[in-house]
Amino acid sequence: MSVLIIEACGPGTSIQDQGRFGYQRFGLGPAGAMDRVSMAEANILVGNGPDTAAVEMAVLGARFRVDGGRMRVALVGAGGVLRVDGVVVPPYTSATVESGQALEIAPVRAGFFMYLAVSGGFDIPPQLGSRALHSRGGVGGLGGRGCRAGDRLPVIDVALQGPDVTAAMVAPSQQVTGPVRVMFGPQLDYFSSAGVTTFLGERYTVTTQTDRMGIRLAGPKIEHSEKGYNIVSDGIATGSVQVPGAGEPLVQLADRGTTGGYPKIATVISADHGRIAQFPAGTKFQFLAVTRAQAVTAVREQAAALEAFKLSLRGAGETDLTSERLLGLNLNEGWGG
């Protein structure tokens, strides 16, 4: 059996997939990849289904070594750079790695989370239907914990088909910029009209108080209505925007709690979950209210873009390095609004 050996990694390294669902009523949130689109792109490059479990790395890079057989790998997210035995693998390109070869991943350059996918996926037992680590719940991952140096990650051996591939189009994760889209509610009545105007009209800054649970934003205070800022605790969704008494919003993400007692002015639409999760500290952006129909259209467009990304793959030596494609692959200042 092929094995990916972890020689070094940061504390934010874990196994993640699409997450687990159906357990929030028991107090267990979904976990899963913070940026599911980037994880899907990495999986597509190595021939996996888009939701196959991958290694998620936060900010810091990692070093791996292959043992027991060859495998195909790909790295996507946060401008990360993958080297195989010191040779750089181009962005959005897979690489076939032989037993004994080393993989080195540099720290992030433009974002927060990177994803390393391997052909076949990891042969790790799922817990409650998912391999995703929920660190606070001690579920999934490697026996309920994250990755650390010395871990050996067994890989499902599959026959590698064809050459390494690269994408001939700008990746879906890089196609959407501008404001973060939200749908209002469910406690919009807990905010004054002036508070709603502030929420949509001002720019907010991502603080250093950011992790897999959520993002604390800094910016103009959002005014509550006469109802105040306490509610009977109710359910929280990924993307829920809570506003405590201090008036600065909190955006709940993959490892969020399942209930909370602060009113929620809006919810980030699912098509923008990965975008906001990738905003590094200091990013300034604005919220934009959309309708349910617009939110549904956005997620359908995202799925169609991933399918087009898959269809655009070609042999790694066949892609023309046009200026248009190179500019599209350059992760620039386009994170915020």
C-alpha atoms as a PDB file:
ATOM      1  CA  MET A   1       0.000   0.000   0.000  1.00  0.00           C
ATOM      2  CA  SER A   2       1.207   3.513  -0.818  1.00  0.00           C
ATOM      3  CA  VAL A   3       1.701   5.842   2.135  1.00  0.00           C
ATOM      4  CA  LEU A   4       2.182   9.578   2.440  1.00  0.00           C
ATOM      5  CA  ILE A   5       4.511  10.230   5.367  1.00  0.00           C
ATOM      6  CA  ILE A   6       4.271  13.595   7.121  1.00  0.00           C
ATOM      7  CA  GLU A   7       7.771  14.827   7.936  1.00  0.00           C
ATOM      8  CA  ALA A   8       6.714  18.314   9.075  1.00  0.00           C
ATOM      9  CA  CYS A   9       3.479  20.310   9.208  1.00  0.00           C
ATOM     10  CA  GLY A  10       1.812  23.210  10.963  1.00  0.00           C
ATOM     11  CA  PRO A  11      -0.775  22.908  13.759  1.00  0.00           C
ATOM     12  CA  GLY A  12      -3.616  23.711  11.346  1.00  0.00           C
ATOM     13  CA  THR A  13      -3.059  20.595   9.220  1.00  0.00           C
ATOM     14  CA  SER A  14      -5.922  18.081   9.099  1.00  0.00           C
ATOM     15  CA  ILE A  15      -7.855  15.641   6.951  1.00  0.00           C
ATOM     16  CA  GLN A  16     -10.992  17.249   5.498  1.00  0.00           C
ATOM     17  CA  ASP A  17     -13.671  16.322   2.985  1.00  0.00           C
ATOM     18  CA  GLN A  18     -17.143  17.751   2.298  1.00  0.00           C
ATOM     19  CA  GLY A  19     -18.079  17.403   5.981  1.00  0.00           C
ATOM     20  CA  ARG A  20     -20.705  15.410   7.866  1.00  0.00           C
ATOM     21  CA  PHE A  21     -24.355  16.294   7.988  1.00  0.00           C
ATOM     22  CA  GLY A  22     -27.355  15.234  10.021  1.00  0.00           C
ATOM     23  CA  TYR A  23     -25.740  15.522  13.448  1.00  0.00           C
ATOM     24  CA  GLN A  24     -26.267  19.158  14.353  1.00  0.00           C
ATOM     25  CA  ARG A  25     -29.254  18.197  16.493  1.00  0.00           C
ATOM     26  CA  PHE A  26     -26.778  16.273  18.648  1.00  0.00           C
ATOM     27  CA  GLY A  27     -24.475  19.293  18.954  1.00  0.00           C
ATOM     28  CA  LEU A  28     -21.959  18.250  16.278  1.00  0.00           C
ATOM     29  CA  GLY A  29     -21.333  20.670  13.418  1.00  0.00           C
ATOM     30  CA  PRO A  30     -20.359  19.638   9.883  1.00  0.00           C
ATOM     31  CA  ALA A  31     -16.628  20.515   9.823  1.00  0.00           C
ATOM     32  CA  GLY A  32     -15.260  19.827   6.311  1.00  0.00           C
ATOM     33  CA  ALA A  33     -12.981  21.844   4.061  1.00  0.00           C
ATOM     34  CA  MET A  34     -13.019  25.578   4.672  1.00  0.00           C
ATOM     35  CA  ASP A  35     -12.703  26.165   0.931  1.00  0.00           C
ATOM     36  CA  ARG A  36     -14.564  23.303  -0.730  1.00  0.00           C
ATOM     37  CA  VAL A  37     -14.028  24.692  -4.234  1.00  0.00           C
ATOM     38  CA  SER A  38     -10.228  24.663  -3.899  1.00  0.00           C
ATOM     39  CA  MET A  39     -10.381  21.153  -2.422  1.00  0.00           C
ATOM     40  CA  ALA A  40     -12.575  20.055  -5.336  1.00  0.00           C
ATOM     41  CA  GLU A  41     -10.116  21.523  -7.861  1.00  0.00           C
ATOM     42  CA  ALA A  42      -7.205  19.632  -6.277  1.00  0.00           C
ATOM     43  CA  ASN A  43      -9.203  16.390  -6.369  1.00  0.00           C
ATOM     44  CA  ILE A  44     -10.260  16.890  -9.978  1.00  0.00           C
ATOM     45  CA  LEU A  45      -6.609  17.349 -10.992  1.00  0.00           C
ATOM     46  CA  VAL A  46      -5.723  13.886  -9.620  1.00  0.00           C
ATOM     47  CA  GLY A  47      -8.808  12.125 -10.966  1.00  0.00           C
ATOM     48  CA  ASN A  48     -10.815  11.921  -7.734  1.00  0.00           C
ATOM     49  CA  GLY A  49     -14.392  12.862  -7.017  1.00  0.00           C
ATOM     50  CA  PRO A  50     -14.547  16.500  -5.861  1.00  0.00           C
ATOM     51  CA  ASP A  51     -15.472  15.617  -2.264  1.00  0.00           C
ATOM     52  CA  THR A  52     -12.662  13.096  -1.680  1.00  0.00           C
ATOM     53  CA  ALA A  53     -10.768  13.684   1.573  1.00  0.00           C
ATOM     54  CA  ALA A  54      -7.606  15.766   1.225  1.00  0.00           C
ATOM     55  CA  VAL A  55      -4.997  17.309   3.508  1.00  0.00           C
ATOM     56  CA  GLU A  56      -5.949  20.852   4.523  1.00  0.00           C
ATOM     57  CA  MET A  57      -3.106  23.149   5.606  1.00  0.00           C
ATOM     58  CA  ALA A  58      -3.665  26.524   7.277  1.00  0.00           C
ATOM     59  CA  VAL A  59      -1.081  29.260   6.613  1.00  0.00           C
ATOM     60  CA  LEU A  60       2.013  27.127   7.174  1.00  0.00           C
ATOM     61  CA  GLY A  61       3.297  24.634   4.656  1.00  0.00           C
ATOM     62  CA  ALA A  62       4.333  21.030   5.162  1.00  0.00           C
ATOM     63  CA  ARG A  63       6.810  18.380   4.062  1.00  0.00           C
ATOM     64  CA  PHE A  64       5.866  14.845   3.004  1.00  0.00           C
ATOM     65  CA  ARG A  65       7.566  11.759   1.631  1.00  0.00           C
ATOM     66  CA  VAL A  66       6.024   9.049  -0.529  1.00  0.00           C
ATOM     67  CA  ASP A  67       6.541   5.419   0.448  1.00  0.00           C
ATOM     68  CA  GLY A  68       5.419   2.086  -0.964  1.00  0.00           C
ATOM     69  CA  GLY A  69       4.403   3.114  -4.469  1.00  0.00           C
ATOM     70  CA  ARG A  70       3.728   5.949  -6.853  1.00  0.00           C
ATOM     71  CA  MET A  71       0.804   8.350  -6.572  1.00  0.00           C
ATOM     72  CA  ARG A  72      -0.474  11.464  -8.285  1.00  0.00           C
ATOM     73  CA  VAL A  73      -0.747  14.647  -6.238  1.00  0.00           C
ATOM     74  CA  ALA A  74      -2.004  18.207  -6.688  1.00  0.00           C
ATOM     75  CA  LEU A  75      -1.954  21.324  -4.524  1.00  0.00           C
ATOM     76  CA  VAL A  76      -4.571  24.104  -4.751  1.00  0.00           C
ATOM     77  CA  GLY A  77      -5.339  27.124  -2.605  1.00  0.00           C
ATOM     78  CA  ALA A  78      -3.893  30.336  -1.154  1.00  0.00           C
ATOM     79  CA  GLY A  79      -1.161  30.645  -3.770  1.00  0.00           C
ATOM     80  CA  GLY A  80       0.603  27.616  -2.339  1.00  0.00           C
ATOM     81  CA  VAL A  81       3.695  26.291  -4.105  1.00  0.00           C
ATOM     82  CA  LEU A  82       4.383  22.545  -4.378  1.00  0.00           C
ATOM     83  CA  ARG A  83       7.874  21.185  -5.007  1.00  0.00           C
ATOM     84  CA  VAL A  84       8.691  17.555  -5.785  1.00  0.00           C
ATOM     85  CA  ASP A  85      12.314  16.839  -4.917  1.00  0.00           C
ATOM     86  CA  GLY A  86      12.914  20.573  -5.162  1.00  0.00           C
ATOM     87  CA  VAL A  87      11.282  21.034  -8.584  1.00  0.00           C
ATOM     88  CA  VAL A  88       8.317  23.433  -8.647  1.00  0.00           C
ATOM     89  CA  VAL A  89       5.006  22.046  -9.918  1.00  0.00           C
ATOM     90  CA  PRO A  90       3.101  24.731 -11.904  1.00  0.00           C
ATOM     91  CA  PRO A  91      -0.223  25.999 -10.499  1.00  0.00           C
ATOM     92  CA  TYR A  92      -3.305  23.853 -11.158  1.00  0.00           C
ATOM     93  CA  THR A  93      -1.151  20.958 -12.376  1.00  0.00           C
ATOM     94  CA  SER A  94      -0.873  17.403 -11.083  1.00  0.00           C
ATOM     95  CA  ALA A  95       2.408  15.582 -10.519  1.00  0.00           C
ATOM     96  CA  THR A  96       3.169  11.859 -10.426  1.00  0.00           C
ATOM     97  CA  VAL A  97       5.426  11.099  -7.484  1.00  0.00           C
ATOM     98  CA  GLU A  98       7.509   7.947  -7.053  1.00  0.00           C
ATOM     99  CA  SER A  99       8.227   6.115  -3.829  1.00  0.00           C
ATOM    100  CA  GLY A 100      10.991   7.881  -1.917  1.00  0.00           C
ATOM    101  CA  GLN A 101      10.384  11.304  -3.429  1.00  0.00           C
ATOM    102  CA  ALA A 102       9.788  14.324  -1.202  1.00  0.00           C
ATOM    103  CA  LEU A 103       6.972  16.866  -1.395  1.00  0.00           C
ATOM    104  CA  GLU A 104       7.529  20.323   0.018  1.00  0.00           C
ATOM    105  CA  ILE A 105       4.756  22.900   0.343  1.00  0.00           C
ATOM    106  CA  ALA A 106       5.669  26.505   1.049  1.00  0.00           C
ATOM    107  CA  PRO A 107       3.595  28.718   3.378  1.00  0.00           C
ATOM    108  CA  VAL A 108       0.597  30.506   1.885  1.00  0.00           C
ATOM    109  CA  ARG A 109       1.136  33.576  -0.282  1.00  0.00           C
ATOM    110  CA  ALA A 110      -2.388  34.896  -0.816  1.00  0.00           C
ATOM    111  CA  GLY A 111      -4.992  33.379   1.433  1.00  0.00           C
ATOM    112  CA  PHE A 112      -5.354  31.008   4.347  1.00  0.00           C
ATOM    113  CA  PHE A 113      -5.996  27.383   3.335  1.00  0.00           C
ATOM    114  CA  MET A 114      -4.260  24.961   0.929  1.00  0.00           C
ATOM    115  CA  TYR A 115      -5.338  21.462  -0.129  1.00  0.00           C
ATOM    116  CA  LEU A 116      -3.161  18.523  -1.086  1.00  0.00           C
ATOM    117  CA  ALA A 117      -5.097  15.804  -2.916  1.00  0.00           C
ATOM    118  CA  VAL A 118      -3.740  12.343  -3.749  1.00  0.00           C
ATOM    119  CA  SER A 119      -5.014   9.938  -6.392  1.00  0.00           C
ATOM    120  CA  GLY A 120      -7.466   7.471  -4.849  1.00  0.00           C
ATOM    121  CA  GLY A 121      -7.802   9.440  -1.627  1.00  0.00           C
ATOM    122  CA  PHE A 122      -6.764   8.423   1.856  1.00  0.00           C
ATOM    123  CA  ASP A 123      -7.593   4.971   3.230  1.00  0.00           C
ATOM    124  CA  ILE A 124      -8.773   6.351   6.581  1.00  0.00           C
ATOM    125  CA  PRO A 125     -11.960   5.025   8.235  1.00  0.00           C
ATOM    126  CA  PRO A 126     -14.818   7.534   8.147  1.00  0.00           C
ATOM    127  CA  GLN A 127     -16.612   8.464  11.355  1.00  0.00           C
ATOM    128  CA  LEU A 128     -20.313   9.320  11.162  1.00  0.00           C
ATOM    129  CA  GLY A 129     -20.093   9.264   7.392  1.00  0.00           C
ATOM    130  CA  SER A 130     -17.094  11.560   6.941  1.00  0.00           C
ATOM    131  CA  ARG A 131     -13.313  11.636   7.305  1.00  0.00           C
ATOM    132  CA  ALA A 132     -13.353  15.369   8.137  1.00  0.00           C
ATOM    133  CA  LEU A 133     -11.756  16.334  11.426  1.00  0.00           C
ATOM    134  CA  HIS A 134     -13.975  18.210  13.855  1.00  0.00           C
ATOM    135  CA  SER A 135     -11.301  19.066  16.394  1.00  0.00           C
ATOM    136  CA  ARG A 136     -13.594  20.375  19.129  1.00  0.00           C
ATOM    137  CA  GLY A 137     -15.741  17.276  18.886  1.00  0.00           C
ATOM    138  CA  GLY A 138     -12.800  14.880  18.610  1.00  0.00           C
ATOM    139  CA  VAL A 139     -14.397  13.231  15.570  1.00  0.00           C
ATOM    140  CA  GLY A 140     -12.858  12.261  12.244  1.00  0.00           C
ATOM    141  CA  GLY A 141      -9.361  13.024  11.044  1.00  0.00           C
ATOM    142  CA  LEU A 142      -6.733  10.721  12.502  1.00  0.00           C
ATOM    143  CA  GLY A 143      -8.520   9.207  15.471  1.00  0.00           C
ATOM    144  CA  GLY A 144     -10.147  12.531  16.350  1.00  0.00           C
ATOM    145  CA  ARG A 145      -7.053  14.691  15.956  1.00  0.00           C
ATOM    146  CA  GLY A 146      -5.190  16.668  13.327  1.00  0.00           C
ATOM    147  CA  CYS A 147      -2.042  15.717  11.476  1.00  0.00           C
ATOM    148  CA  ARG A 148       1.435  15.877  12.967  1.00  0.00           C
ATOM    149  CA  ALA A 149       4.985  14.969  12.041  1.00  0.00           C
ATOM    150  CA  GLY A 150       5.526  11.209  11.886  1.00  0.00           C
ATOM    151  CA  ASP A 151       1.990  10.347  10.783  1.00  0.00           C
ATOM    152  CA  ARG A 152       1.671   7.858   7.950  1.00  0.00           C
ATOM    153  CA  LEU A 153      -1.368   8.482   5.752  1.00  0.00           C
ATOM    154  CA  PRO A 154      -2.356   5.322   3.828  1.00  0.00           C
ATOM    155  CA  VAL A 155      -3.447   6.003   0.254  1.00  0.00           C
ATOM    156  CA  ILE A 156      -5.967   3.964  -1.723  1.00  0.00           C
ATOM    157  CA  ASP A 157      -3.945   2.513  -4.595  1.00  0.00           C
ATOM    158  CA  VAL A 158      -5.438   3.189  -8.031  1.00  0.00           C
ATOM    159  CA  ALA A 159      -4.045   2.686 -11.502  1.00  0.00           C
ATOM    160  CA  LEU A 160      -2.842   6.055 -12.786  1.00  0.00           C
ATOM    161  CA  GLN A 161      -4.415   6.855 -16.134  1.00  0.00           C
ATOM    162  CA  GLY A 162      -2.616   8.975 -18.716  1.00  0.00           C
ATOM    163  CA  PRO A 163      -0.115  11.784 -18.112  1.00  0.00           C
ATOM    164  CA  ASP A 164      -0.145  14.489 -15.480  1.00  0.00           C
ATOM    165  CA  VAL A 165      -2.645  17.206 -16.331  1.00  0.00           C
ATOM    166  CA  THR A 166      -3.055  20.947 -16.078  1.00  0.00           C
ATOM    167  CA  ALA A 167      -6.110  23.187 -16.352  1.00  0.00           C
ATOM    168  CA  ALA A 168      -6.495  25.280 -19.495  1.00  0.00           C
ATOM    169  CA  MET A 169      -8.920  27.724 -17.858  1.00  0.00           C
ATOM    170  CA  VAL A 170      -8.927  30.039 -14.878  1.00  0.00           C
ATOM    171  CA  ALA A 171      -9.937  27.956 -11.863  1.00  0.00           C
ATOM    172  CA  PRO A 172     -13.469  28.490 -10.473  1.00  0.00           C
ATOM    173  CA  SER A 173     -11.979  29.489  -7.105  1.00  0.00           C
ATOM    174  CA  GLN A 174     -10.422  32.523  -8.826  1.00  0.00           C
ATOM    175  CA  GLN A 175     -13.371  33.568 -10.973  1.00  0.00           C
ATOM    176  CA  VAL A 176     -15.487  35.470  -8.431  1.00  0.00           C
ATOM    177  CA  THR A 177     -14.354  38.701  -6.778  1.00  0.00           C
ATOM    178  CA  GLY A 178     -16.112  41.711  -5.276  1.00  0.00           C
ATOM    179  CA  PRO A 179     -18.507  41.923  -2.303  1.00  0.00           C
ATOM    180  CA  VAL A 180     -19.386  38.889  -0.198  1.00  0.00           C
ATOM    181  CA  ARG A 181     -22.987  37.971  -0.962  1.00  0.00           C
ATOM    182  CA  VAL A 182     -25.498  37.411   1.826  1.00  0.00           C
ATOM    183  CA  MET A 183     -29.182  36.717   2.341  1.00  0.00           C
ATOM    184  CA  PHE A 184     -30.885  38.655   5.125  1.00  0.00           C
ATOM    185  CA  GLY A 185     -32.112  37.044   8.329  1.00  0.00           C
ATOM    186  CA  PRO A 186     -33.253  35.175  10.235  1.00  0.00           C
ATOM    187  CA  GLN A 187     -33.241  37.936  12.912  1.00  0.00           C
ATOM    188  CA  LEU A 188     -33.267  41.030  10.699  1.00  0.00           C
ATOM    189  CA  ASP A 189     -35.912  42.568  12.987  1.00  0.00           C
ATOM    190  CA  TYR A 190     -33.285  42.824  15.746  1.00  0.00           C
ATOM    191  CA  PHE A 191     -31.489  45.538  13.748  1.00  0.00           C
ATOM    192  CA  SER A 192     -32.478  49.131  13.066  1.00  0.00           C
ATOM    193  CA  SER A 193     -32.725  50.490   9.538  1.00  0.00           C
ATOM    194  CA  ALA A 194     -29.547  52.466  10.267  1.00  0.00           C
ATOM    195  CA  GLY A 195     -27.840  49.231  11.352  1.00  0.00           C
ATOM    196  CA  VAL A 196     -28.805  47.490   8.113  1.00  0.00           C
ATOM    197  CA  THR A 197     -27.531  50.474   6.112  1.00  0.00           C
ATOM    198  CA  THR A 198     -24.213  50.288   7.971  1.00  0.00           C
ATOM    199  CA  PHE A 199     -23.925  46.547   7.405  1.00  0.00           C
ATOM    200  CA  LEU A 200     -24.292  46.882   3.635  1.00  0.00           C
ATOM    201  CA  GLY A 201     -22.744  50.295   3.124  1.00  0.00           C
ATOM    202  CA  GLU A 202     -19.489  50.018   5.053  1.00  0.00           C
ATOM    203  CA  ARG A 203     -16.344  47.930   4.609  1.00  0.00           C
ATOM    204  CA  TYR A 204     -15.244  45.412   7.234  1.00  0.00           C
ATOM    205  CA  THR A 205     -11.756  44.143   7.999  1.00  0.00           C
ATOM    206  CA  VAL A 206     -10.784  40.548   8.761  1.00  0.00           C
ATOM    207  CA  THR A 207      -9.013  40.458  12.131  1.00  0.00           C
ATOM    208  CA  THR A 208      -6.372  38.047  13.387  1.00  0.00           C
ATOM    209  CA  GLN A 209      -9.126  36.404  15.483  1.00  0.00           C
ATOM    210  CA  THR A 210      -9.900  33.964  12.712  1.00  0.00           C
ATOM    211  CA  ASP A 211      -9.889  30.177  12.709  1.00  0.00           C
ATOM    212  CA  ARG A 212     -11.926  27.232  11.444  1.00  0.00           C
ATOM    213  CA  MET A 213     -14.761  28.202  13.776  1.00  0.00           C
ATOM    214  CA  GLY A 214     -15.257  31.687  12.372  1.00  0.00           C
ATOM    215  CA  ILE A 215     -14.065  35.183  11.543  1.00  0.00           C
ATOM    216  CA  ARG A 216     -14.264  38.222  13.790  1.00  0.00           C
ATOM    217  CA  LEU A 217     -14.600  41.410  11.745  1.00  0.00           C
ATOM    218  CA  ALA A 218     -13.639  44.963  12.664  1.00  0.00           C
ATOM    219  CA  GLY A 219     -15.480  47.994  11.369  1.00  0.00           C
ATOM    220  CA  PRO A 220     -18.376  50.377  11.957  1.00  0.00           C
ATOM    221  CA  LYS A 221     -20.773  49.260  14.680  1.00  0.00           C
ATOM    222  CA  ILE A 222     -24.087  47.778  13.522  1.00  0.00           C
ATOM    223  CA  GLU A 223     -26.984  49.224  15.478  1.00  0.00           C
ATOM    224  CA  HIS A 224     -29.520  46.844  17.009  1.00  0.00           C
ATOM    225  CA  SER A 225     -33.222  47.621  17.230  1.00  0.00           C
ATOM    226  CA  GLU A 226     -35.099  48.176  20.478  1.00  0.00           C
ATOM    227  CA  LYS A 227     -35.301  44.374  20.821  1.00  0.00           C
ATOM    228  CA  GLY A 228     -31.659  44.328  21.914  1.00  0.00           C
ATOM    229  CA  TYR A 229     -28.966  41.809  21.105  1.00  0.00           C
ATOM    230  CA  ASN A 230     -29.979  38.672  23.008  1.00  0.00           C
ATOM    231  CA  ILE A 231     -32.188  35.941  21.597  1.00  0.00           C
ATOM    232  CA  VAL A 232     -33.203  32.500  22.751  1.00  0.00           C
ATOM    233  CA  SER A 233     -30.390  30.353  21.386  1.00  0.00           C
ATOM    234  CA  ASP A 234     -31.271  28.846  18.036  1.00  0.00           C
ATOM    235  CA  GLY A 235     -29.546  27.076  15.160  1.00  0.00           C
ATOM    236  CA  ILE A 236     -26.462  28.427  13.413  1.00  0.00           C
ATOM    237  CA  ALA A 237     -25.649  27.697   9.787  1.00  0.00           C
ATOM    238  CA  THR A 238     -22.288  27.894   8.073  1.00  0.00           C
ATOM    239  CA  GLY A 239     -22.051  31.516   6.982  1.00  0.00           C
ATOM    240  CA  SER A 240     -24.309  32.916   9.721  1.00  0.00           C
ATOM    241  CA  VAL A 241     -23.400  36.547  10.494  1.00  0.00           C
ATOM    242  CA  GLN A 242     -23.953  37.153  14.201  1.00  0.00           C
ATOM    243  CA  VAL A 243     -23.813  40.636  15.712  1.00  0.00           C
ATOM    244  CA  PRO A 244     -23.113  40.710  19.478  1.00  0.00           C
ATOM    245  CA  GLY A 245     -23.792  43.743  21.660  1.00  0.00           C
ATOM    246  CA  ALA A 246     -20.511  45.417  20.657  1.00  0.00           C
ATOM    247  CA  GLY A 247     -21.915  45.732  17.127  1.00  0.00           C
ATOM    248  CA  GLU A 248     -19.102  44.112  15.141  1.00  0.00           C
ATOM    249  CA  PRO A 249     -20.061  41.028  13.096  1.00  0.00           C
ATOM    250  CA  LEU A 250     -18.890  37.433  13.519  1.00  0.00           C
ATOM    251  CA  VAL A 251     -19.071  35.078  10.521  1.00  0.00           C
ATOM    252  CA  GLN A 252     -19.540  31.439  11.497  1.00  0.00           C
ATOM    253  CA  LEU A 253     -17.621  28.826   9.468  1.00  0.00           C
ATOM    254  CA  ALA A 254     -17.062  25.064   9.236  1.00  0.00           C
ATOM    255  CA  ASP A 255     -16.254  24.288  12.898  1.00  0.00           C
ATOM    256  CA  ARG A 256     -18.941  26.622  14.232  1.00  0.00           C
ATOM    257  CA  GLY A 257     -21.141  25.846  17.194  1.00  0.00           C
ATOM    258  CA  THR A 258     -24.546  24.456  16.431  1.00  0.00           C
ATOM    259  CA  THR A 259     -26.553  27.072  18.372  1.00  0.00           C
ATOM    260  CA  GLY A 260     -26.012  30.622  19.539  1.00  0.00           C
ATOM    261  CA  GLY A 261     -27.721  33.477  21.350  1.00  0.00           C
ATOM    262  CA  TYR A 262     -26.652  36.485  19.289  1.00  0.00           C
ATOM    263  CA  PRO A 263     -29.026  37.741  16.571  1.00  0.00           C
ATOM    264  CA  LYS A 264     -28.073  36.964  12.995  1.00  0.00           C
ATOM    265  CA  ILE A 265     -28.442  39.817  10.539  1.00  0.00           C
ATOM    266  CA  ALA A 266     -27.670  37.685   7.476  1.00  0.00           C
ATOM    267  CA  THR A 267     -26.081  34.498   6.143  1.00  0.00           C
ATOM    268  CA  VAL A 268     -23.215  34.315   3.642  1.00  0.00           C
ATOM    269  CA  ILE A 269     -24.417  32.318   0.631  1.00  0.00           C
ATOM    270  CA  SER A 270     -22.791  28.914   0.148  1.00  0.00           C
ATOM    271  CA  ALA A 271     -21.097  29.971  -3.113  1.00  0.00           C
ATOM    272  CA  ASP A 272     -19.029  32.503  -1.125  1.00  0.00           C
ATOM    273  CA  HIS A 273     -18.085  30.357   1.882  1.00  0.00           C
ATOM    274  CA  GLY A 274     -14.698  29.445   0.430  1.00  0.00           C
ATOM    275  CA  ARG A 275     -13.945  33.024  -0.604  1.00  0.00           C
ATOM    276  CA  ILE A 276     -14.483  34.524   2.828  1.00  0.00           C
ATOM    277  CA  ALA A 277     -12.640  31.644   4.526  1.00  0.00           C
ATOM    278  CA  GLN A 278      -9.595  32.459   2.388  1.00  0.00           C
ATOM    279  CA  PHE A 279      -9.487  36.172   3.314  1.00  0.00           C
ATOM    280  CA  PRO A 280      -6.227  36.802   5.196  1.00  0.00           C
ATOM    281  CA  ALA A 281      -6.139  39.142   8.189  1.00  0.00           C
ATOM    282  CA  GLY A 282      -6.309  42.746   7.058  1.00  0.00           C
ATOM    283  CA  THR A 283      -8.578  42.079   4.082  1.00  0.00           C
ATOM    284  CA  LYS A 284     -11.241  44.766   3.682  1.00  0.00           C
ATOM    285  CA  PHE A 285     -14.506  43.862   1.982  1.00  0.00           C
ATOM    286  CA  GLN A 286     -18.165  44.772   1.728  1.00  0.00           C
ATOM    287  CA  PHE A 287     -21.356  42.725   2.020  1.00  0.00           C
ATOM    288  CA  LEU A 288     -23.985  42.606  -0.727  1.00  0.00           C
ATOM    289  CA  ALA A 289     -27.577  41.437  -0.167  1.00  0.00           C
ATOM    290  CA  VAL A 290     -28.966  39.010  -2.778  1.00  0.00           C
ATOM    291  CA  THR A 291     -32.204  37.116  -3.225  1.00  0.00           C
ATOM    292  CA  ARG A 292     -32.708  33.392  -2.769  1.00  0.00           C
ATOM    293  CA  ALA A 293     -32.964  32.995  -6.552  1.00  0.00           C
ATOM    294  CA  GLN A 294     -29.625  34.776  -7.004  1.00  0.00           C
ATOM    295  CA  ALA A 295     -28.026  32.561  -4.347  1.00  0.00           C
ATOM    296  CA  VAL A 296     -29.286  29.418  -6.088  1.00  0.00           C
ATOM    297  CA  THR A 297     -28.013  30.697  -9.431  1.00  0.00           C
ATOM    298  CA  ALA A 298     -24.594  31.400  -7.891  1.00  0.00           C
ATOM    299  CA  VAL A 299     -24.157  27.875  -6.544  1.00  0.00           C
ATOM    300  CA  ARG A 300     -25.314  26.371  -9.854  1.00  0.00           C
ATOM    301  CA  GLU A 301     -22.819  28.544 -11.720  1.00  0.00           C
ATOM    302  CA  GLN A 302     -20.113  27.378  -9.343  1.00  0.00           C
ATOM    303  CA  ALA A 303     -20.953  23.716 -10.029  1.00  0.00           C
ATOM    304  CA  ALA A 304     -20.964  24.361 -13.786  1.00  0.00           C
ATOM    305  CA  ALA A 305     -17.581  26.091 -13.549  1.00  0.00           C
ATOM    306  CA  LEU A 306     -16.114  23.079 -11.744  1.00  0.00           C
ATOM    307  CA  GLU A 307     -17.391  20.807 -14.500  1.00  0.00           C
ATOM    308  CA  ALA A 308     -15.873  23.112 -17.140  1.00  0.00           C
ATOM    309  CA  PHE A 309     -12.611  23.076 -15.152  1.00  0.00           C
ATOM    310  CA  LYS A 310     -12.609  19.275 -15.327  1.00  0.00           C
ATOM    311  CA  LEU A 311     -13.296  19.289 -19.077  1.00  0.00           C
ATOM    312  CA  SER A 312     -10.472  21.773 -19.651  1.00  0.00           C
ATOM    313  CA  LEU A 313      -7.770  19.427 -18.335  1.00  0.00           C
ATOM    314  CA  ARG A 314      -5.080  18.434 -20.808  1.00  0.00           C
ATOM    315  CA  GLY A 315      -1.631  16.901 -20.698  1.00  0.00           C
ATOM    316  CA  ALA A 316       0.690  18.973 -18.539  1.00  0.00           C
ATOM    317  CA  GLY A 317       3.028  19.634 -21.468  1.00  0.00           C
ATOM    318  CA  GLU A 318       0.287  20.620 -23.868  1.00  0.00           C
ATOM    319  CA  THR A 319      -1.079  23.836 -22.373  1.00  0.00           C
ATOM    320  CA  ASP A 320      -0.154  27.092 -24.095  1.00  0.00           C
ATOM    321  CA  LEU A 321       1.306  29.562 -21.620  1.00  0.00           C
ATOM    322  CA  THR A 322      -0.630  32.511 -22.963  1.00  0.00           C
ATOM    323  CA  SER A 323      -0.540  35.832 -21.145  1.00  0.00           C
ATOM    324  CA  GLU A 324      -4.290  35.507 -20.473  1.00  0.00           C
ATOM    325  CA  ARG A 325      -3.872  32.193 -18.684  1.00  0.00           C
ATOM    326  CA  LEU A 326      -0.799  33.293 -16.738  1.00  0.00           C
ATOM    327  CA  LEU A 327      -2.608  36.400 -15.508  1.00  0.00           C
ATOM    328  CA  GLY A 328      -5.565  34.251 -14.534  1.00  0.00           C
ATOM    329  CA  LEU A 329      -3.352  31.957 -12.473  1.00  0.00           C
ATOM    330  CA  ASN A 330      -1.710  34.859 -10.653  1.00  0.00           C
ATOM    331  CA  LEU A 331      -3.287  35.218  -7.223  1.00  0.00           C
ATOM    332  CA  ASN A 332      -3.439  38.980  -6.843  1.00  0.00           C
ATOM    333  CA  GLU A 333      -5.261  41.586  -4.803  1.00  0.00           C
ATOM    334  CA  GLY A 334      -8.730  40.324  -5.674  1.00  0.00           C
ATOM    335  CA  TRP A 335      -9.730  38.820  -2.323  1.00  0.00           C
ATOM    336  CA  GLY A 336     -11.977  41.585  -1.042  1.00  0.00           C
ATOM    337  CA  GLY A 337     -14.553  44.003  -2.355  1.00  0.00           C
END
